[in-house]
């Protein structure tokens, strides 16, 4: 497997990936954090800037995850995880929440992915497997409605294939919508130049990353 060639690399942890995303979100941004890995970003948004967090189930103004024992399961995000609410936060109808998403009112969304193409296409709701349970949720609305879409994901699948691909083979969520990938091995910008690597995990070189990313030409920033 390709992953066997990377045993000496110190991959970024999920918290480190989340911290990198948080650092790239500017003060004053309105942001939706997708189900799963992206929710960790909320724990790394420092008090030096104000970021307004939105969830498609009808919540805006969320804070970091509650401390153990302080969870309130009447206050949850779209992934049914307990959250906190900052001063000024509020609740509203599901339809209003989707109007925010579809109306271009979100500056960023951060989503997980099964695949991302070199041109920014996103596949994150279904693998196409006969026994898989499709779970599109609000991903299509977010990917197209937000002004910028970031993806957080492991760079390789469990069987060692790169999730950054020349063209997605899974059903698409959105076309040319992803602007940046944050993975455990690299941060990659997608744009007119193609796939530009802006950061690499410790011990990893561009040549080694290229070797496990067939069909996609990687450039260094």
N, C-alpha and C. Protein backbone atom coordinates (compact mmCIF):
# COMPACT_ATOMS: atom_id res chain seq x y z
N UNK A 1 0.84 -1.20 0.00
CA UNK A 1 0.00 0.00 0.00
C UNK A 1 0.87 1.25 0.00
N UNK A 2 0.34 2.33 -0.59
CA UNK A 2 1.10 3.57 -0.63
C UNK A 2 1.43 4.09 0.76
N UNK A 3 0.53 3.88 1.74
CA UNK A 3 0.74 4.41 3.07
C UNK A 3 1.95 3.79 3.75
N UNK A 4 2.36 2.61 3.31
CA UNK A 4 3.52 1.95 3.91
C UNK A 4 4.81 2.70 3.62
N UNK A 5 4.83 3.54 2.59
CA UNK A 5 6.03 4.31 2.25
C UNK A 5 6.16 5.58 3.09
N UNK A 6 5.21 5.82 3.98
CA UNK A 6 5.18 7.06 4.75
C UNK A 6 5.30 6.83 6.25
N UNK A 7 5.86 5.69 6.63
CA UNK A 7 5.94 5.36 8.05
C UNK A 7 6.80 6.34 8.84
N UNK A 8 7.76 7.01 8.18
CA UNK A 8 8.66 7.93 8.88
C UNK A 8 8.11 9.36 8.95
N UNK A 9 6.95 9.59 8.39
CA UNK A 9 6.38 10.94 8.35
C UNK A 9 5.56 11.19 9.62
N UNK A 10 5.77 12.36 10.24
CA UNK A 10 4.93 12.72 11.38
C UNK A 10 3.70 13.46 10.84
N UNK A 11 2.65 12.70 10.66
CA UNK A 11 1.42 13.27 10.12
C UNK A 11 0.80 14.25 11.13
N UNK A 12 0.12 15.24 10.62
CA UNK A 12 -0.58 16.15 11.51
C UNK A 12 -1.77 15.43 12.13
N UNK A 13 -2.01 15.69 13.41
CA UNK A 13 -3.18 15.13 14.08
C UNK A 13 -4.42 15.90 13.63
N UNK A 14 -5.56 15.38 14.01
CA UNK A 14 -6.81 16.05 13.63
C UNK A 14 -6.91 17.42 14.29
N UNK A 15 -6.41 17.54 15.51
CA UNK A 15 -6.42 18.85 16.17
C UNK A 15 -5.47 19.82 15.47
N UNK A 16 -4.32 19.32 15.01
CA UNK A 16 -3.38 20.18 14.29
C UNK A 16 -3.97 20.63 12.95
N UNK A 17 -4.67 19.72 12.28
CA UNK A 17 -5.34 20.10 11.04
C UNK A 17 -6.39 21.17 11.30
N UNK A 18 -7.17 20.98 12.37
CA UNK A 18 -8.21 21.94 12.71
C UNK A 18 -7.62 23.30 13.06
N UNK A 19 -6.48 23.30 13.75
CA UNK A 19 -5.82 24.56 14.10
C UNK A 19 -5.36 25.30 12.86
N UNK A 20 -4.90 24.58 11.84
CA UNK A 20 -4.47 25.21 10.59
C UNK A 20 -5.66 25.85 9.88
N UNK A 21 -6.79 25.17 9.88
CA UNK A 21 -7.98 25.76 9.27
C UNK A 21 -8.38 27.02 10.02
N UNK A 22 -8.42 26.92 11.35
CA UNK A 22 -8.84 28.06 12.18
C UNK A 22 -7.95 29.28 11.94
N UNK A 23 -6.65 29.04 11.77
CA UNK A 23 -5.71 30.15 11.55
C UNK A 23 -5.98 30.87 10.23
N UNK A 24 -6.58 30.17 9.26
CA UNK A 24 -6.83 30.75 7.94
C UNK A 24 -8.22 31.36 7.80
N UNK A 25 -9.00 31.33 8.87
CA UNK A 25 -10.33 31.96 8.84
C UNK A 25 -10.20 33.36 9.42
N UNK A 26 -10.53 34.38 8.66
CA UNK A 26 -10.31 35.76 9.12
C UNK A 26 -11.34 36.24 10.13
N UNK A 27 -10.96 37.28 10.82
CA UNK A 27 -11.85 37.93 11.78
C UNK A 27 -13.13 38.40 11.07
N UNK A 28 -14.26 38.15 11.72
CA UNK A 28 -15.54 38.60 11.18
C UNK A 28 -16.21 37.64 10.23
N UNK A 29 -15.60 36.50 9.93
CA UNK A 29 -16.17 35.56 8.97
C UNK A 29 -17.37 34.81 9.56
N UNK A 30 -18.32 34.48 8.69
CA UNK A 30 -19.44 33.61 9.03
C UNK A 30 -19.14 32.25 8.42
N UNK A 31 -19.12 31.21 9.25
CA UNK A 31 -18.56 29.92 8.84
C UNK A 31 -19.48 28.77 9.24
N UNK A 32 -19.65 27.82 8.33
CA UNK A 32 -20.34 26.57 8.66
C UNK A 32 -19.30 25.46 8.76
N UNK A 33 -19.32 24.71 9.84
CA UNK A 33 -18.42 23.56 10.04
C UNK A 33 -19.20 22.29 9.81
N UNK A 34 -18.79 21.50 8.83
CA UNK A 34 -19.49 20.28 8.48
C UNK A 34 -19.39 19.21 9.55
N UNK A 35 -20.20 18.17 9.37
CA UNK A 35 -20.25 17.05 10.31
C UNK A 35 -18.92 16.31 10.31
N UNK A 36 -18.53 15.84 11.49
CA UNK A 36 -17.31 15.04 11.61
C UNK A 36 -16.09 15.88 11.92
N UNK A 37 -15.01 15.60 11.21
CA UNK A 37 -13.72 16.24 11.46
C UNK A 37 -13.78 17.77 11.53
N UNK A 38 -14.50 18.46 10.64
CA UNK A 38 -14.48 19.93 10.68
C UNK A 38 -14.98 20.54 11.99
N UNK A 39 -15.80 19.83 12.77
CA UNK A 39 -16.33 20.43 13.99
C UNK A 39 -15.21 20.80 14.97
N UNK A 40 -14.04 20.15 14.86
CA UNK A 40 -12.93 20.45 15.76
C UNK A 40 -12.39 21.85 15.57
N UNK A 41 -12.67 22.48 14.44
CA UNK A 41 -12.17 23.83 14.17
C UNK A 41 -12.68 24.81 15.22
N UNK A 42 -13.89 24.59 15.72
CA UNK A 42 -14.48 25.50 16.71
C UNK A 42 -13.63 25.63 17.96
N UNK A 43 -12.88 24.58 18.30
CA UNK A 43 -12.06 24.59 19.51
C UNK A 43 -10.76 25.35 19.34
N UNK A 44 -10.47 25.81 18.11
CA UNK A 44 -9.18 26.47 17.84
C UNK A 44 -9.35 27.90 17.36
N UNK A 45 -10.54 28.42 17.45
CA UNK A 45 -10.77 29.82 17.08
C UNK A 45 -10.48 30.68 18.30
N UNK A 46 -9.36 31.37 18.29
CA UNK A 46 -8.92 32.14 19.45
C UNK A 46 -9.81 33.32 19.75
N UNK A 47 -9.64 33.87 20.94
CA UNK A 47 -10.44 35.01 21.37
C UNK A 47 -9.97 36.32 20.73
N UNK A 48 -8.89 36.25 19.94
CA UNK A 48 -8.38 37.46 19.31
C UNK A 48 -9.17 37.86 18.06
N UNK A 49 -10.10 37.00 17.64
CA UNK A 49 -10.95 37.36 16.50
C UNK A 49 -12.34 36.79 16.70
N UNK A 50 -13.30 37.44 16.06
CA UNK A 50 -14.70 37.02 16.17
C UNK A 50 -15.10 36.28 14.90
N UNK A 51 -15.41 35.00 15.05
CA UNK A 51 -15.89 34.20 13.93
C UNK A 51 -17.28 33.68 14.30
N UNK A 52 -18.25 33.88 13.44
CA UNK A 52 -19.63 33.49 13.70
C UNK A 52 -19.87 32.11 13.08
N UNK A 53 -20.17 31.13 13.93
CA UNK A 53 -20.36 29.75 13.47
C UNK A 53 -21.84 29.45 13.26
N UNK A 54 -22.14 28.86 12.11
CA UNK A 54 -23.50 28.54 11.68
C UNK A 54 -23.64 27.04 11.54
N UNK A 55 -24.82 26.52 11.88
CA UNK A 55 -25.12 25.11 11.66
C UNK A 55 -26.47 25.00 10.96
N UNK A 56 -26.56 24.10 9.96
CA UNK A 56 -27.74 24.09 9.10
C UNK A 56 -29.01 23.64 9.81
N UNK A 57 -28.90 23.07 11.02
CA UNK A 57 -30.12 22.72 11.74
C UNK A 57 -30.79 23.92 12.41
N UNK A 58 -30.20 25.13 12.24
CA UNK A 58 -30.86 26.34 12.71
C UNK A 58 -30.23 26.97 13.93
N UNK A 59 -28.90 27.04 13.95
CA UNK A 59 -28.17 27.67 15.05
C UNK A 59 -27.10 28.57 14.46
N UNK A 60 -26.90 29.73 15.08
CA UNK A 60 -25.79 30.59 14.69
C UNK A 60 -25.22 31.22 15.97
N UNK A 61 -23.89 31.40 15.97
CA UNK A 61 -23.23 31.96 17.14
C UNK A 61 -22.74 30.91 18.11
N UNK A 62 -22.35 29.75 17.58
CA UNK A 62 -21.86 28.67 18.45
C UNK A 62 -20.44 28.95 18.93
N UNK A 63 -20.11 28.36 20.08
CA UNK A 63 -18.76 28.44 20.61
C UNK A 63 -18.07 27.09 20.55
N UNK A 64 -17.03 26.89 21.36
CA UNK A 64 -16.34 25.60 21.39
C UNK A 64 -17.20 24.50 22.00
N UNK A 65 -16.73 23.28 21.91
CA UNK A 65 -17.45 22.15 22.50
C UNK A 65 -17.57 22.34 24.01
N UNK A 66 -18.67 21.89 24.61
CA UNK A 66 -18.83 22.03 26.06
C UNK A 66 -17.86 21.13 26.82
N UNK A 67 -17.55 21.52 28.04
CA UNK A 67 -16.70 20.69 28.89
C UNK A 67 -17.43 19.40 29.25
N UNK A 68 -16.70 18.31 29.48
CA UNK A 68 -17.35 17.06 29.88
C UNK A 68 -18.26 17.25 31.09
N UNK A 69 -19.47 16.75 30.98
CA UNK A 69 -20.44 16.89 32.05
C UNK A 69 -21.32 18.12 31.93
N UNK A 70 -20.99 19.02 30.98
CA UNK A 70 -21.78 20.24 30.81
C UNK A 70 -22.56 20.24 29.50
N UNK A 71 -22.69 19.07 28.88
CA UNK A 71 -23.41 18.98 27.62
C UNK A 71 -24.92 19.22 27.82
N UNK A 72 -25.51 19.89 26.87
CA UNK A 72 -26.96 20.11 26.84
C UNK A 72 -27.45 19.58 25.49
N UNK A 73 -28.15 18.45 25.51
CA UNK A 73 -28.53 17.82 24.24
C UNK A 73 -29.76 18.47 23.59
N UNK A 74 -30.23 19.58 24.18
CA UNK A 74 -31.17 20.43 23.47
C UNK A 74 -30.43 21.47 22.64
N UNK A 75 -29.12 21.54 22.79
CA UNK A 75 -28.28 22.48 22.05
C UNK A 75 -27.23 21.68 21.28
N UNK A 76 -27.53 21.36 20.02
CA UNK A 76 -26.67 20.49 19.23
C UNK A 76 -26.43 21.09 17.85
N UNK A 77 -25.38 20.59 17.18
CA UNK A 77 -25.13 20.98 15.80
C UNK A 77 -25.79 19.98 14.85
N UNK A 78 -25.53 20.11 13.56
CA UNK A 78 -26.17 19.25 12.57
C UNK A 78 -25.75 17.79 12.70
N UNK A 79 -24.60 17.55 13.34
CA UNK A 79 -24.15 16.17 13.57
C UNK A 79 -24.63 15.60 14.88
N UNK A 80 -25.56 16.30 15.56
CA UNK A 80 -26.13 15.90 16.85
C UNK A 80 -25.11 15.92 17.97
N UNK A 81 -24.03 16.69 17.80
CA UNK A 81 -23.05 16.86 18.87
C UNK A 81 -23.43 18.07 19.71
N UNK A 82 -23.30 17.97 21.04
CA UNK A 82 -23.60 19.12 21.88
C UNK A 82 -22.61 20.25 21.63
N UNK A 83 -23.10 21.47 21.62
CA UNK A 83 -22.28 22.66 21.39
C UNK A 83 -22.58 23.69 22.46
N UNK A 84 -21.83 24.77 22.46
CA UNK A 84 -22.13 25.91 23.33
C UNK A 84 -22.61 27.07 22.47
N UNK A 85 -23.22 28.03 23.12
CA UNK A 85 -23.73 29.20 22.41
C UNK A 85 -23.10 30.45 23.01
N UNK A 86 -22.52 31.29 22.18
CA UNK A 86 -21.89 32.52 22.64
C UNK A 86 -22.95 33.62 22.81
N UNK A 87 -22.63 34.68 23.56
CA UNK A 87 -23.57 35.81 23.67
C UNK A 87 -23.96 36.33 22.29
N UNK A 88 -25.27 36.49 22.07
CA UNK A 88 -25.77 36.92 20.77
C UNK A 88 -26.17 35.78 19.86
N UNK A 89 -25.81 34.55 20.21
CA UNK A 89 -26.20 33.39 19.42
C UNK A 89 -27.70 33.18 19.46
N UNK A 90 -28.24 32.50 18.45
CA UNK A 90 -29.69 32.31 18.41
C UNK A 90 -30.07 31.07 17.60
N UNK A 91 -31.36 30.75 17.67
CA UNK A 91 -31.94 29.60 16.97
C UNK A 91 -32.99 30.11 15.98
N UNK A 92 -33.22 29.36 14.91
CA UNK A 92 -34.22 29.79 13.93
C UNK A 92 -34.67 28.59 13.12
N UNK A 93 -35.66 28.82 12.28
CA UNK A 93 -36.26 27.73 11.50
C UNK A 93 -35.25 27.15 10.51
N UNK A 94 -35.40 25.86 10.27
CA UNK A 94 -34.54 25.13 9.34
C UNK A 94 -34.54 25.79 7.95
N UNK A 95 -35.70 26.24 7.51
CA UNK A 95 -35.79 26.87 6.19
C UNK A 95 -34.99 28.17 6.14
N UNK A 96 -35.00 28.93 7.23
CA UNK A 96 -34.20 30.16 7.29
C UNK A 96 -32.72 29.84 7.23
N UNK A 97 -32.34 28.75 7.88
CA UNK A 97 -30.94 28.34 7.88
C UNK A 97 -30.46 28.01 6.47
N UNK A 98 -31.28 27.29 5.72
CA UNK A 98 -30.91 26.96 4.34
C UNK A 98 -30.97 28.18 3.43
N UNK A 99 -31.81 29.15 3.76
CA UNK A 99 -31.82 30.39 2.99
C UNK A 99 -30.51 31.14 3.18
N UNK A 100 -29.94 31.08 4.38
CA UNK A 100 -28.63 31.68 4.61
C UNK A 100 -27.58 31.00 3.75
N UNK A 101 -27.62 29.65 3.70
CA UNK A 101 -26.65 28.89 2.94
C UNK A 101 -26.76 29.14 1.44
N UNK A 102 -27.99 29.09 0.94
CA UNK A 102 -28.21 29.22 -0.51
C UNK A 102 -28.11 30.66 -0.98
N UNK A 103 -28.26 31.59 -0.05
CA UNK A 103 -28.28 33.00 -0.43
C UNK A 103 -26.91 33.66 -0.44
N UNK A 104 -25.84 32.89 -0.24
CA UNK A 104 -24.50 33.44 -0.30
C UNK A 104 -24.09 34.22 0.94
N UNK A 105 -24.70 33.90 2.09
CA UNK A 105 -24.42 34.64 3.32
C UNK A 105 -23.30 34.02 4.15
N UNK A 106 -22.78 32.86 3.74
CA UNK A 106 -21.67 32.22 4.46
C UNK A 106 -20.36 32.57 3.76
N UNK A 107 -19.38 32.99 4.53
CA UNK A 107 -18.07 33.29 3.95
C UNK A 107 -17.28 32.02 3.67
N UNK A 108 -17.36 31.05 4.59
CA UNK A 108 -16.62 29.80 4.45
C UNK A 108 -17.51 28.64 4.90
N UNK A 109 -17.28 27.47 4.29
CA UNK A 109 -17.74 26.23 4.88
C UNK A 109 -16.54 25.28 4.90
N UNK A 110 -16.53 24.41 5.89
CA UNK A 110 -15.45 23.43 6.04
C UNK A 110 -16.10 22.05 6.04
N UNK A 111 -15.77 21.23 5.05
CA UNK A 111 -16.42 19.95 4.86
C UNK A 111 -15.42 18.81 4.83
N UNK A 112 -15.88 17.61 5.13
CA UNK A 112 -15.09 16.41 4.90
C UNK A 112 -15.25 15.97 3.45
N UNK A 113 -14.47 14.95 3.04
CA UNK A 113 -14.57 14.51 1.65
C UNK A 113 -14.12 13.06 1.48
N UNK A 114 -14.75 12.39 0.54
CA UNK A 114 -14.27 11.08 0.07
C UNK A 114 -13.24 11.28 -1.04
N UNK A 115 -13.48 12.28 -1.89
CA UNK A 115 -12.56 12.62 -2.98
C UNK A 115 -12.67 14.12 -3.28
N UNK A 116 -11.54 14.68 -3.71
CA UNK A 116 -11.51 16.03 -4.28
C UNK A 116 -10.70 15.95 -5.55
N UNK A 117 -11.19 16.55 -6.63
CA UNK A 117 -10.44 16.53 -7.89
C UNK A 117 -9.47 17.69 -7.94
N UNK A 118 -8.51 17.60 -8.84
CA UNK A 118 -7.52 18.66 -9.00
C UNK A 118 -8.14 19.98 -9.44
N UNK A 119 -9.35 19.93 -9.99
CA UNK A 119 -10.04 21.15 -10.41
C UNK A 119 -11.04 21.63 -9.35
N UNK A 120 -11.03 21.00 -8.17
CA UNK A 120 -11.87 21.47 -7.08
C UNK A 120 -13.24 20.83 -6.98
N UNK A 121 -13.52 19.80 -7.79
CA UNK A 121 -14.79 19.08 -7.64
C UNK A 121 -14.78 18.33 -6.30
N UNK A 122 -15.94 18.21 -5.69
CA UNK A 122 -16.07 17.59 -4.37
C UNK A 122 -17.03 16.41 -4.41
N UNK A 123 -16.60 15.30 -3.81
CA UNK A 123 -17.47 14.13 -3.62
C UNK A 123 -17.41 13.77 -2.13
N UNK A 124 -18.52 14.00 -1.42
CA UNK A 124 -18.46 13.73 0.02
C UNK A 124 -19.75 13.17 0.60
N UNK A 125 -20.68 12.71 -0.25
CA UNK A 125 -21.94 12.25 0.32
C UNK A 125 -22.24 10.78 0.06
N UNK A 126 -21.54 10.15 -0.87
CA UNK A 126 -21.86 8.77 -1.22
C UNK A 126 -20.68 8.16 -1.96
N UNK A 127 -20.30 6.94 -1.59
CA UNK A 127 -19.20 6.27 -2.28
C UNK A 127 -19.68 5.49 -3.50
N UNK A 128 -20.98 5.38 -3.66
CA UNK A 128 -21.51 4.61 -4.78
C UNK A 128 -21.62 3.13 -4.49
N UNK A 129 -21.13 2.69 -3.34
CA UNK A 129 -21.22 1.27 -2.98
C UNK A 129 -22.68 0.88 -2.77
N UNK A 130 -23.06 -0.34 -3.22
CA UNK A 130 -24.48 -0.74 -3.12
C UNK A 130 -25.02 -0.73 -1.69
N UNK A 131 -24.15 -1.01 -0.70
CA UNK A 131 -24.63 -1.09 0.68
C UNK A 131 -24.40 0.21 1.46
N UNK A 132 -23.88 1.24 0.79
CA UNK A 132 -23.62 2.52 1.48
C UNK A 132 -24.92 3.29 1.65
N UNK A 133 -24.99 4.01 2.77
CA UNK A 133 -26.18 4.82 3.05
C UNK A 133 -25.89 6.26 2.62
N UNK A 134 -26.56 6.77 1.58
CA UNK A 134 -26.31 8.15 1.14
C UNK A 134 -26.65 9.14 2.25
N UNK A 135 -25.84 10.18 2.40
CA UNK A 135 -26.06 11.16 3.47
C UNK A 135 -25.66 12.54 2.97
N UNK A 136 -26.43 13.07 2.03
CA UNK A 136 -26.03 14.34 1.44
C UNK A 136 -26.23 15.50 2.41
N UNK A 137 -27.28 15.45 3.25
CA UNK A 137 -27.51 16.53 4.20
C UNK A 137 -27.56 17.88 3.49
N UNK A 138 -26.84 18.87 4.05
CA UNK A 138 -26.80 20.18 3.43
C UNK A 138 -25.53 20.42 2.64
N UNK A 139 -24.77 19.36 2.37
CA UNK A 139 -23.44 19.53 1.77
C UNK A 139 -23.50 20.21 0.40
N UNK A 140 -24.46 19.85 -0.42
CA UNK A 140 -24.55 20.47 -1.75
C UNK A 140 -24.82 21.96 -1.64
N UNK A 141 -25.73 22.33 -0.74
CA UNK A 141 -26.06 23.74 -0.54
C UNK A 141 -24.85 24.52 -0.02
N UNK A 142 -24.13 23.91 0.92
CA UNK A 142 -22.96 24.55 1.51
C UNK A 142 -21.84 24.72 0.49
N UNK A 143 -21.54 23.66 -0.24
CA UNK A 143 -20.40 23.68 -1.17
C UNK A 143 -20.56 24.75 -2.23
N UNK A 144 -21.78 24.98 -2.67
CA UNK A 144 -22.04 25.97 -3.72
C UNK A 144 -22.42 27.33 -3.14
N UNK A 145 -23.07 27.33 -1.99
CA UNK A 145 -23.56 28.58 -1.42
C UNK A 145 -22.51 29.40 -0.70
N UNK A 146 -21.51 28.74 -0.07
CA UNK A 146 -20.47 29.48 0.64
C UNK A 146 -19.52 30.15 -0.34
N UNK A 147 -18.95 31.27 0.08
CA UNK A 147 -18.03 32.00 -0.80
C UNK A 147 -16.73 31.22 -1.01
N UNK A 148 -16.32 30.47 0.03
CA UNK A 148 -15.14 29.59 -0.10
C UNK A 148 -15.42 28.28 0.61
N UNK A 149 -14.98 27.18 -0.01
CA UNK A 149 -15.15 25.86 0.59
C UNK A 149 -13.79 25.26 0.88
N UNK A 150 -13.55 24.94 2.15
CA UNK A 150 -12.34 24.23 2.58
C UNK A 150 -12.73 22.77 2.83
N UNK A 151 -11.79 21.88 2.61
CA UNK A 151 -11.99 20.46 2.90
C UNK A 151 -10.96 20.00 3.92
N UNK A 152 -11.41 19.25 4.92
CA UNK A 152 -10.52 18.57 5.87
C UNK A 152 -10.69 17.08 5.66
N UNK A 153 -9.56 16.37 5.46
CA UNK A 153 -9.64 14.94 5.23
C UNK A 153 -8.28 14.28 5.41
N UNK A 154 -8.27 12.98 5.68
CA UNK A 154 -7.04 12.22 5.58
C UNK A 154 -6.64 12.20 4.11
N UNK A 155 -5.34 12.29 3.84
CA UNK A 155 -4.90 12.35 2.45
C UNK A 155 -5.12 11.03 1.72
N UNK A 156 -4.99 9.93 2.45
CA UNK A 156 -5.14 8.60 1.85
C UNK A 156 -6.35 7.88 2.41
N UNK A 157 -6.93 7.01 1.59
CA UNK A 157 -7.99 6.13 2.06
C UNK A 157 -7.39 5.05 2.96
N UNK A 158 -8.25 4.25 3.57
CA UNK A 158 -7.77 3.17 4.43
C UNK A 158 -6.97 2.13 3.65
N UNK A 159 -7.18 2.08 2.35
CA UNK A 159 -6.42 1.14 1.52
C UNK A 159 -5.25 1.79 0.80
N UNK A 160 -4.98 3.06 1.12
CA UNK A 160 -3.75 3.68 0.65
C UNK A 160 -3.83 4.49 -0.63
N UNK A 161 -5.04 4.76 -1.15
CA UNK A 161 -5.15 5.57 -2.36
C UNK A 161 -5.35 7.04 -1.98
N UNK A 162 -4.79 7.92 -2.80
CA UNK A 162 -4.95 9.35 -2.55
C UNK A 162 -6.40 9.77 -2.78
N UNK A 163 -6.89 10.66 -1.91
CA UNK A 163 -8.24 11.21 -2.09
C UNK A 163 -8.23 12.43 -3.01
N UNK A 164 -7.04 12.99 -3.25
CA UNK A 164 -6.90 14.02 -4.28
C UNK A 164 -6.68 13.30 -5.60
N UNK A 165 -7.61 13.47 -6.52
CA UNK A 165 -7.63 12.65 -7.74
C UNK A 165 -7.76 13.54 -8.99
N UNK A 166 -7.39 13.00 -10.17
CA UNK A 166 -7.57 13.78 -11.40
C UNK A 166 -9.04 14.12 -11.65
N UNK A 167 -9.93 13.15 -11.41
CA UNK A 167 -11.37 13.36 -11.56
C UNK A 167 -12.08 12.45 -10.57
N UNK A 168 -13.11 12.96 -9.93
CA UNK A 168 -13.83 12.16 -8.94
C UNK A 168 -14.54 10.99 -9.60
N UNK A 169 -14.48 9.84 -8.94
CA UNK A 169 -15.21 8.67 -9.42
C UNK A 169 -16.46 8.41 -8.59
N UNK A 170 -16.62 9.11 -7.48
CA UNK A 170 -17.82 9.01 -6.66
C UNK A 170 -18.82 10.08 -7.10
N UNK A 171 -20.09 9.92 -6.74
CA UNK A 171 -21.10 10.93 -7.09
C UNK A 171 -20.71 12.31 -6.55
N UNK A 172 -20.86 13.33 -7.37
CA UNK A 172 -20.39 14.66 -7.00
C UNK A 172 -21.35 15.38 -6.05
N UNK A 173 -20.74 16.16 -5.16
CA UNK A 173 -21.47 17.08 -4.30
C UNK A 173 -21.52 18.46 -4.95
N UNK A 174 -20.39 18.89 -5.51
CA UNK A 174 -20.31 20.19 -6.16
C UNK A 174 -19.17 20.21 -7.17
N UNK A 175 -19.25 21.10 -8.12
CA UNK A 175 -18.25 21.21 -9.20
C UNK A 175 -17.40 22.46 -8.98
N UNK A 176 -16.09 22.28 -9.03
CA UNK A 176 -15.13 23.39 -8.93
C UNK A 176 -15.41 24.30 -7.74
N UNK A 177 -15.70 23.71 -6.60
CA UNK A 177 -16.09 24.49 -5.42
C UNK A 177 -15.03 24.52 -4.33
N UNK A 178 -14.10 23.58 -4.32
CA UNK A 178 -13.11 23.49 -3.23
C UNK A 178 -11.91 24.39 -3.54
N UNK A 179 -11.57 25.27 -2.62
CA UNK A 179 -10.43 26.16 -2.83
C UNK A 179 -9.18 25.71 -2.07
N UNK A 180 -9.36 24.93 -1.00
CA UNK A 180 -8.19 24.49 -0.23
C UNK A 180 -8.47 23.18 0.47
N UNK A 181 -7.46 22.30 0.51
CA UNK A 181 -7.53 21.02 1.21
C UNK A 181 -6.58 21.05 2.41
N UNK A 182 -7.09 20.65 3.57
CA UNK A 182 -6.28 20.50 4.78
C UNK A 182 -6.29 19.02 5.13
N UNK A 183 -5.13 18.38 5.00
CA UNK A 183 -5.04 16.95 5.26
C UNK A 183 -3.98 16.68 6.31
N UNK A 184 -3.81 15.40 6.64
CA UNK A 184 -2.80 15.01 7.62
C UNK A 184 -1.39 15.04 7.05
N UNK A 185 -1.26 15.18 5.72
CA UNK A 185 0.06 15.20 5.08
C UNK A 185 0.42 16.55 4.46
N UNK A 186 -0.57 17.32 4.04
CA UNK A 186 -0.27 18.56 3.34
C UNK A 186 -1.48 19.48 3.32
N UNK A 187 -1.20 20.77 3.14
CA UNK A 187 -2.24 21.75 2.84
C UNK A 187 -2.06 22.13 1.37
N UNK A 188 -3.13 22.03 0.60
CA UNK A 188 -3.05 22.20 -0.84
C UNK A 188 -4.10 23.20 -1.32
N UNK A 189 -3.64 24.20 -2.04
CA UNK A 189 -4.52 25.21 -2.64
C UNK A 189 -4.91 24.75 -4.04
N UNK A 190 -6.20 24.87 -4.37
CA UNK A 190 -6.67 24.52 -5.71
C UNK A 190 -7.12 25.80 -6.41
N UNK A 191 -6.60 26.01 -7.60
CA UNK A 191 -6.92 27.24 -8.32
C UNK A 191 -6.45 27.18 -9.75
N UNK A 192 -6.26 28.34 -10.37
CA UNK A 192 -5.86 28.39 -11.78
C UNK A 192 -4.57 27.64 -12.08
N UNK A 193 -3.63 27.58 -11.12
CA UNK A 193 -2.37 26.85 -11.33
C UNK A 193 -2.53 25.35 -11.12
N UNK A 194 -3.70 24.93 -10.71
CA UNK A 194 -3.90 23.53 -10.38
C UNK A 194 -3.75 23.31 -8.89
N UNK A 195 -3.02 22.27 -8.50
CA UNK A 195 -2.85 21.92 -7.10
C UNK A 195 -1.50 22.45 -6.60
N UNK A 196 -1.55 23.43 -5.71
CA UNK A 196 -0.35 24.07 -5.18
C UNK A 196 -0.19 23.72 -3.71
N UNK A 197 0.92 23.09 -3.36
CA UNK A 197 1.18 22.68 -1.98
C UNK A 197 1.71 23.88 -1.20
N UNK A 198 1.02 24.25 -0.13
CA UNK A 198 1.43 25.40 0.67
C UNK A 198 2.08 24.99 2.00
N UNK A 199 1.93 23.72 2.39
CA UNK A 199 2.58 23.23 3.61
C UNK A 199 2.65 21.71 3.54
N UNK A 200 3.74 21.17 4.08
CA UNK A 200 3.96 19.71 4.11
C UNK A 200 4.22 19.25 5.53
N UNK A 201 3.76 18.07 5.87
CA UNK A 201 4.04 17.48 7.18
C UNK A 201 5.53 17.25 7.34
N UNK A 202 5.98 17.22 8.58
CA UNK A 202 7.41 17.06 8.87
C UNK A 202 7.96 15.76 8.26
N UNK A 203 9.06 15.90 7.52
CA UNK A 203 9.69 14.74 6.91
C UNK A 203 9.21 14.42 5.51
N UNK A 204 8.15 15.10 5.06
CA UNK A 204 7.60 14.83 3.74
C UNK A 204 8.12 15.84 2.72
N UNK A 205 8.46 15.35 1.54
CA UNK A 205 8.90 16.22 0.45
C UNK A 205 7.84 16.25 -0.65
N UNK A 206 7.95 17.23 -1.51
CA UNK A 206 7.01 17.33 -2.63
C UNK A 206 7.10 16.10 -3.52
N UNK A 207 8.31 15.60 -3.75
CA UNK A 207 8.47 14.42 -4.61
C UNK A 207 7.77 13.20 -4.03
N UNK A 208 7.86 13.04 -2.70
CA UNK A 208 7.21 11.88 -2.07
C UNK A 208 5.70 12.02 -2.10
N UNK A 209 5.22 13.24 -1.91
CA UNK A 209 3.77 13.45 -1.99
C UNK A 209 3.29 13.21 -3.42
N UNK A 210 4.08 13.68 -4.40
CA UNK A 210 3.71 13.46 -5.80
C UNK A 210 3.65 11.97 -6.13
N UNK A 211 4.54 11.20 -5.55
CA UNK A 211 4.59 9.76 -5.84
C UNK A 211 3.33 9.02 -5.39
N UNK A 212 2.64 9.55 -4.39
CA UNK A 212 1.42 8.88 -3.91
C UNK A 212 0.16 9.57 -4.42
N UNK A 213 0.34 10.51 -5.38
CA UNK A 213 -0.80 11.25 -5.93
C UNK A 213 -0.80 11.10 -7.45
N UNK A 214 -1.07 9.91 -7.96
CA UNK A 214 -1.00 9.70 -9.41
C UNK A 214 -2.05 10.50 -10.17
N UNK A 215 -1.62 11.01 -11.33
CA UNK A 215 -2.55 11.70 -12.21
C UNK A 215 -2.77 13.17 -11.90
N UNK A 216 -2.23 13.65 -10.77
CA UNK A 216 -2.36 15.06 -10.39
C UNK A 216 -0.97 15.67 -10.29
N UNK A 217 -0.72 16.75 -11.00
CA UNK A 217 0.56 17.45 -10.94
C UNK A 217 0.53 18.44 -9.78
N UNK A 218 1.48 18.26 -8.84
CA UNK A 218 1.56 19.12 -7.68
C UNK A 218 2.66 20.17 -7.87
N UNK A 219 2.39 21.39 -7.45
CA UNK A 219 3.37 22.48 -7.48
C UNK A 219 3.62 22.93 -6.05
N UNK A 220 4.80 23.45 -5.80
CA UNK A 220 5.10 24.01 -4.48
C UNK A 220 4.88 25.52 -4.53
N UNK A 221 4.26 26.05 -3.50
CA UNK A 221 4.01 27.50 -3.44
C UNK A 221 5.32 28.26 -3.34
